[in-house]
Amino acid sequence: MKTEYIYKHHSPIGMLTVSSDGENITGLWIKNMRYGENVEIIEVNADDLSVFEKTRKWLDCYFDGKGPDFMPPVKTEGTEFRQSVWKILCEIPYGKVITYGDIAKKIALQKGKTKMSAQAVGGAVGSNPISILIPCHRVVGAKGNLTGYGGGLDIKVHLLQLEGMDMSKFHMPSK
């Protein structure tokens, strides 16, 4: 049986749930989450594990409107394709955005292909298990369209504003 540690972090966007294998961050969720089978969950305080203490400091810095200059150790599990997309997400600078199409072009170049599906990239972005730390909120649709976000579009807007983005450049989806 696998053991996962979690701690709850109070943030301006609501309660965050952070999970760890004891050494690395393995998940960060904004809303309710489900655990897999055969996982023992142990809830601890941030200061009980050094990786949670580092993550708490990172999140406090981030929500204070500063771009953290350090990163707690993270560990993701996913296909090679998803891992390559998540790596690109980690390269998006604080206060900047990139489109799904831009990521698709980067992946195509890496694989020596002429093109890659932006929809496939969207699926990989949407399956990011470590939100905020791996900044999937910094990905937008073509022509500045704000597209879905697992934590909710209002949270995505809040995070982009926190990073100093001029929201007049973006287009909200019509209802």
C-alpha atoms as a PDB file:
ATOM      1  CA  MET A   1       0.000   0.000   0.000  1.00  0.00           C
ATOM      2  CA  LYS A   2       1.247   3.443  -0.958  1.00  0.00           C
ATOM      3  CA  THR A   3       1.313   6.246   1.629  1.00  0.00           C
ATOM      4  CA  GLU A   4       0.450   9.823   0.712  1.00  0.00           C
ATOM      5  CA  TYR A   5       0.707  12.735   3.091  1.00  0.00           C
ATOM      6  CA  ILE A   6      -1.576  15.736   2.689  1.00  0.00           C
ATOM      7  CA  TYR A   7      -1.857  19.115   4.253  1.00  0.00           C
ATOM      8  CA  LYS A   8      -4.509  21.774   3.825  1.00  0.00           C
ATOM      9  CA  HIS A   9      -3.321  25.261   2.909  1.00  0.00           C
ATOM     10  CA  HIS A  10      -5.605  28.259   3.447  1.00  0.00           C
ATOM     11  CA  SER A  11      -5.243  30.617   0.472  1.00  0.00           C
ATOM     12  CA  PRO A  12      -7.022  33.655  -0.980  1.00  0.00           C
ATOM     13  CA  ILE A  13      -8.667  31.348  -3.553  1.00  0.00           C
ATOM     14  CA  GLY A  14      -9.900  28.862  -0.969  1.00  0.00           C
ATOM     15  CA  MET A  15      -8.603  25.722   0.629  1.00  0.00           C
ATOM     16  CA  LEU A  16      -5.780  24.003  -1.251  1.00  0.00           C
ATOM     17  CA  THR A  17      -4.981  20.359  -0.689  1.00  0.00           C
ATOM     18  CA  VAL A  18      -1.322  19.469  -1.165  1.00  0.00           C
ATOM     19  CA  SER A  19      -0.105  15.872  -1.328  1.00  0.00           C
ATOM     20  CA  SER A  20       3.368  14.396  -1.009  1.00  0.00           C
ATOM     21  CA  ASP A  21       5.099  11.047  -1.039  1.00  0.00           C
ATOM     22  CA  GLY A  22       7.169  12.372   1.873  1.00  0.00           C
ATOM     23  CA  GLU A  23       9.901  13.892  -0.293  1.00  0.00           C
ATOM     24  CA  ASN A  24       8.181  15.478  -3.306  1.00  0.00           C
ATOM     25  CA  ILE A  25       4.939  17.279  -3.979  1.00  0.00           C
ATOM     26  CA  THR A  26       2.719  14.889  -5.928  1.00  0.00           C
ATOM     27  CA  GLY A  27      -0.498  16.904  -6.083  1.00  0.00           C
ATOM     28  CA  LEU A  28      -2.021  20.307  -5.449  1.00  0.00           C
ATOM     29  CA  TRP A  29      -5.766  20.698  -5.831  1.00  0.00           C
ATOM     30  CA  ILE A  30      -8.020  23.705  -5.515  1.00  0.00           C
ATOM     31  CA  LYS A  31     -11.287  21.819  -5.114  1.00  0.00           C
ATOM     32  CA  ASN A  32     -12.315  18.450  -3.729  1.00  0.00           C
ATOM     33  CA  MET A  33     -10.256  15.550  -4.986  1.00  0.00           C
ATOM     34  CA  ARG A  34     -10.442  11.774  -5.034  1.00  0.00           C
ATOM     35  CA  TYR A  35      -7.659   9.415  -4.096  1.00  0.00           C
ATOM     36  CA  GLY A  36      -6.908   6.183  -5.868  1.00  0.00           C
ATOM     37  CA  GLU A  37      -7.423   2.817  -4.264  1.00  0.00           C
ATOM     38  CA  ASN A  38      -4.772   1.274  -2.027  1.00  0.00           C
ATOM     39  CA  VAL A  39      -3.541   4.640  -0.809  1.00  0.00           C
ATOM     40  CA  GLU A  40      -3.187   5.368   2.869  1.00  0.00           C
ATOM     41  CA  ILE A  41      -3.786   9.073   3.521  1.00  0.00           C
ATOM     42  CA  ILE A  42      -2.053  10.727   6.461  1.00  0.00           C
ATOM     43  CA  GLU A  43      -2.980  14.353   7.120  1.00  0.00           C
ATOM     44  CA  VAL A  44      -0.195  16.429   8.657  1.00  0.00           C
ATOM     45  CA  ASN A  45       0.694  20.074   9.303  1.00  0.00           C
ATOM     46  CA  ALA A  46       2.972  21.969   6.922  1.00  0.00           C
ATOM     47  CA  ASP A  47       5.828  21.939   9.433  1.00  0.00           C
ATOM     48  CA  ASP A  48       5.654  18.138   9.817  1.00  0.00           C
ATOM     49  CA  LEU A  49       7.410  17.550   6.467  1.00  0.00           C
ATOM     50  CA  SER A  50      10.144  19.765   5.014  1.00  0.00           C
ATOM     51  CA  VAL A  51       8.625  19.497   1.514  1.00  0.00           C
ATOM     52  CA  PHE A  52       5.338  20.896   2.871  1.00  0.00           C
ATOM     53  CA  GLU A  53       7.191  23.667   4.714  1.00  0.00           C
ATOM     54  CA  LYS A  54       8.910  24.657   1.425  1.00  0.00           C
ATOM     55  CA  THR A  55       5.575  24.504  -0.390  1.00  0.00           C
ATOM     56  CA  ARG A  56       3.872  26.655   2.255  1.00  0.00           C
ATOM     57  CA  LYS A  57       6.630  29.272   1.880  1.00  0.00           C
ATOM     58  CA  TRP A  58       6.304  29.120  -1.923  1.00  0.00           C
ATOM     59  CA  LEU A  59       2.507  29.528  -1.786  1.00  0.00           C
ATOM     60  CA  ASP A  60       2.725  32.372   0.758  1.00  0.00           C
ATOM     61  CA  CYS A  61       5.217  34.185  -1.479  1.00  0.00           C
ATOM     62  CA  TYR A  62       3.059  33.545  -4.561  1.00  0.00           C
ATOM     63  CA  PHE A  63      -0.170  34.750  -2.950  1.00  0.00           C
ATOM     64  CA  ASP A  64       1.675  37.841  -1.701  1.00  0.00           C
ATOM     65  CA  GLY A  65       2.002  38.728  -5.397  1.00  0.00           C
ATOM     66  CA  LYS A  66       5.682  37.877  -5.722  1.00  0.00           C
ATOM     67  CA  GLY A  67       7.185  35.418  -8.155  1.00  0.00           C
ATOM     68  CA  PRO A  68       8.861  32.796  -5.954  1.00  0.00           C
ATOM     69  CA  ASP A  69      12.545  32.337  -6.838  1.00  0.00           C
ATOM     70  CA  PHE A  70      12.611  28.721  -5.658  1.00  0.00           C
ATOM     71  CA  MET A  71      10.570  25.598  -6.293  1.00  0.00           C
ATOM     72  CA  PRO A  72       9.734  22.775  -3.922  1.00  0.00           C
ATOM     73  CA  PRO A  73      10.573  19.347  -5.351  1.00  0.00           C
ATOM     74  CA  VAL A  74       7.721  17.943  -7.428  1.00  0.00           C
ATOM     75  CA  LYS A  75       7.122  14.492  -8.877  1.00  0.00           C
ATOM     76  CA  THR A  76       4.516  13.797 -11.516  1.00  0.00           C
ATOM     77  CA  GLU A  77       3.338  10.530 -12.972  1.00  0.00           C
ATOM     78  CA  GLY A  78       2.048  10.477 -16.507  1.00  0.00           C
ATOM     79  CA  THR A  79       2.749   9.484 -20.079  1.00  0.00           C
ATOM     80  CA  GLU A  80       5.851  10.759 -21.847  1.00  0.00           C
ATOM     81  CA  PHE A  81       3.634  13.201 -23.765  1.00  0.00           C
ATOM     82  CA  ARG A  82       2.026  14.597 -20.603  1.00  0.00           C
ATOM     83  CA  GLN A  83       5.406  14.877 -18.903  1.00  0.00           C
ATOM     84  CA  SER A  84       6.754  16.878 -21.868  1.00  0.00           C
ATOM     85  CA  VAL A  85       3.763  19.253 -21.723  1.00  0.00           C
ATOM     86  CA  TRP A  86       4.099  19.708 -17.945  1.00  0.00           C
ATOM     87  CA  LYS A  87       7.819  20.465 -18.393  1.00  0.00           C
ATOM     88  CA  ILE A  88       6.913  23.276 -20.813  1.00  0.00           C
ATOM     89  CA  LEU A  89       4.360  24.599 -18.303  1.00  0.00           C
ATOM     90  CA  CYS A  90       7.150  24.878 -15.730  1.00  0.00           C
ATOM     91  CA  GLU A  91       9.107  27.056 -18.173  1.00  0.00           C
ATOM     92  CA  ILE A  92       6.357  29.697 -18.530  1.00  0.00           C
ATOM     93  CA  PRO A  93       7.606  32.762 -16.649  1.00  0.00           C
ATOM     94  CA  TYR A  94       5.608  34.306 -13.812  1.00  0.00           C
ATOM     95  CA  GLY A  95       3.245  36.926 -15.250  1.00  0.00           C
ATOM     96  CA  LYS A  96       3.347  35.536 -18.800  1.00  0.00           C
ATOM     97  CA  VAL A  97       1.016  33.297 -20.787  1.00  0.00           C
ATOM     98  CA  ILE A  98       1.383  30.856 -23.655  1.00  0.00           C
ATOM     99  CA  THR A  99      -1.235  29.321 -25.946  1.00  0.00           C
ATOM    100  CA  TYR A 100      -2.098  25.666 -26.389  1.00  0.00           C
ATOM    101  CA  GLY A 101      -0.974  26.087 -30.004  1.00  0.00           C
ATOM    102  CA  ASP A 102       2.431  27.427 -28.894  1.00  0.00           C
ATOM    103  CA  ILE A 103       2.924  24.375 -26.686  1.00  0.00           C
ATOM    104  CA  ALA A 104       1.836  22.104 -29.548  1.00  0.00           C
ATOM    105  CA  LYS A 105       4.480  23.715 -31.805  1.00  0.00           C
ATOM    106  CA  LYS A 106       7.181  23.181 -29.160  1.00  0.00           C
ATOM    107  CA  ILE A 107       6.222  19.525 -28.717  1.00  0.00           C
ATOM    108  CA  ALA A 108       6.177  19.008 -32.498  1.00  0.00           C
ATOM    109  CA  LEU A 109       9.690  20.475 -32.754  1.00  0.00           C
ATOM    110  CA  GLN A 110      10.918  18.243 -29.927  1.00  0.00           C
ATOM    111  CA  LYS A 111       9.502  15.177 -31.671  1.00  0.00           C
ATOM    112  CA  GLY A 112      10.654  16.184 -35.148  1.00  0.00           C
ATOM    113  CA  LYS A 113       7.083  16.468 -36.440  1.00  0.00           C
ATOM    114  CA  THR A 114       5.539  19.183 -38.559  1.00  0.00           C
ATOM    115  CA  LYS A 115       2.606  19.679 -36.212  1.00  0.00           C
ATOM    116  CA  MET A 116       0.934  18.478 -33.041  1.00  0.00           C
ATOM    117  CA  SER A 117      -2.664  18.666 -31.892  1.00  0.00           C
ATOM    118  CA  ALA A 118      -3.468  21.630 -29.649  1.00  0.00           C
ATOM    119  CA  GLN A 119      -6.425  19.571 -28.359  1.00  0.00           C
ATOM    120  CA  ALA A 120      -4.033  16.821 -27.208  1.00  0.00           C
ATOM    121  CA  VAL A 121      -1.992  19.505 -25.459  1.00  0.00           C
ATOM    122  CA  GLY A 122      -5.198  20.747 -23.829  1.00  0.00           C
ATOM    123  CA  GLY A 123      -5.853  17.272 -22.473  1.00  0.00           C
ATOM    124  CA  ALA A 124      -2.366  17.092 -20.982  1.00  0.00           C
ATOM    125  CA  VAL A 125      -2.645  20.596 -19.495  1.00  0.00           C
ATOM    126  CA  GLY A 126      -6.020  19.669 -17.994  1.00  0.00           C
ATOM    127  CA  SER A 127      -4.575  16.569 -16.350  1.00  0.00           C
ATOM    128  CA  ASN A 128      -1.818  18.487 -14.541  1.00  0.00           C
ATOM    129  CA  PRO A 129      -1.840  17.051 -11.003  1.00  0.00           C
ATOM    130  CA  ILE A 130       0.042  19.938  -9.365  1.00  0.00           C
ATOM    131  CA  SER A 131      -1.858  23.142 -10.086  1.00  0.00           C
ATOM    132  CA  ILE A 132      -0.322  26.557  -9.411  1.00  0.00           C
ATOM    133  CA  LEU A 133       3.192  25.119  -8.839  1.00  0.00           C
ATOM    134  CA  ILE A 134       3.037  23.720 -12.376  1.00  0.00           C
ATOM    135  CA  PRO A 135       1.290  26.786 -13.803  1.00  0.00           C
ATOM    136  CA  CYS A 136      -1.415  25.447 -16.115  1.00  0.00           C
ATOM    137  CA  HIS A 137      -3.366  28.670 -15.410  1.00  0.00           C
ATOM    138  CA  ARG A 138      -0.834  30.456 -17.664  1.00  0.00           C
ATOM    139  CA  VAL A 139      -2.138  28.650 -20.757  1.00  0.00           C
ATOM    140  CA  VAL A 140      -4.748  30.434 -22.862  1.00  0.00           C
ATOM    141  CA  GLY A 141      -6.550  29.714 -26.090  1.00  0.00           C
ATOM    142  CA  ALA A 142      -5.857  31.253 -29.466  1.00  0.00           C
ATOM    143  CA  LYS A 143      -6.290  35.032 -29.700  1.00  0.00           C
ATOM    144  CA  GLY A 144      -6.288  35.389 -25.906  1.00  0.00           C
ATOM    145  CA  ASN A 145      -9.395  33.307 -25.267  1.00  0.00           C
ATOM    146  CA  LEU A 146      -9.600  32.257 -21.642  1.00  0.00           C
ATOM    147  CA  THR A 147     -10.420  28.593 -21.659  1.00  0.00           C
ATOM    148  CA  GLY A 148     -11.435  26.210 -18.911  1.00  0.00           C
ATOM    149  CA  TYR A 149      -9.497  25.659 -15.734  1.00  0.00           C
ATOM    150  CA  GLY A 150      -9.976  22.789 -13.300  1.00  0.00           C
ATOM    151  CA  GLY A 151     -10.267  25.183 -10.373  1.00  0.00           C
ATOM    152  CA  GLY A 152     -12.800  27.319 -12.256  1.00  0.00           C
ATOM    153  CA  LEU A 153     -12.355  30.163 -14.706  1.00  0.00           C
ATOM    154  CA  ASP A 154     -12.800  32.737 -11.924  1.00  0.00           C
ATOM    155  CA  ILE A 155      -9.783  31.228 -10.132  1.00  0.00           C
ATOM    156  CA  LYS A 156      -7.740  31.310 -13.354  1.00  0.00           C
ATOM    157  CA  VAL A 157      -8.560  35.008 -13.772  1.00  0.00           C
ATOM    158  CA  HIS A 158      -7.656  35.654 -10.122  1.00  0.00           C
ATOM    159  CA  LEU A 159      -4.274  33.916 -10.510  1.00  0.00           C
ATOM    160  CA  LEU A 160      -3.444  35.799 -13.714  1.00  0.00           C
ATOM    161  CA  GLN A 161      -4.404  39.111 -12.092  1.00  0.00           C
ATOM    162  CA  LEU A 162      -2.280  38.245  -9.075  1.00  0.00           C
ATOM    163  CA  GLU A 163       0.657  37.830 -11.468  1.00  0.00           C
ATOM    164  CA  GLY A 164       0.002  41.304 -12.881  1.00  0.00           C
ATOM    165  CA  MET A 165      -1.613  40.321 -16.172  1.00  0.00           C
ATOM    166  CA  ASP A 166      -3.662  42.979 -17.975  1.00  0.00           C
ATOM    167  CA  MET A 167      -6.960  41.139 -18.266  1.00  0.00           C
ATOM    168  CA  SER A 168      -8.214  43.453 -21.033  1.00  0.00           C
ATOM    169  CA  LYS A 169      -6.029  41.395 -23.408  1.00  0.00           C
ATOM    170  CA  PHE A 170      -8.128  38.298 -22.797  1.00  0.00           C
ATOM    171  CA  HIS A 171     -11.560  37.191 -23.891  1.00  0.00           C
ATOM    172  CA  MET A 172     -13.956  35.390 -21.584  1.00  0.00           C
ATOM    173  CA  PRO A 173     -16.005  32.598 -23.137  1.00  0.00           C
ATOM    174  CA  SER A 174     -19.579  33.548 -23.981  1.00  0.00           C
ATOM    175  CA  LYS A 175     -22.241  31.750 -22.013  1.00  0.00           C
END
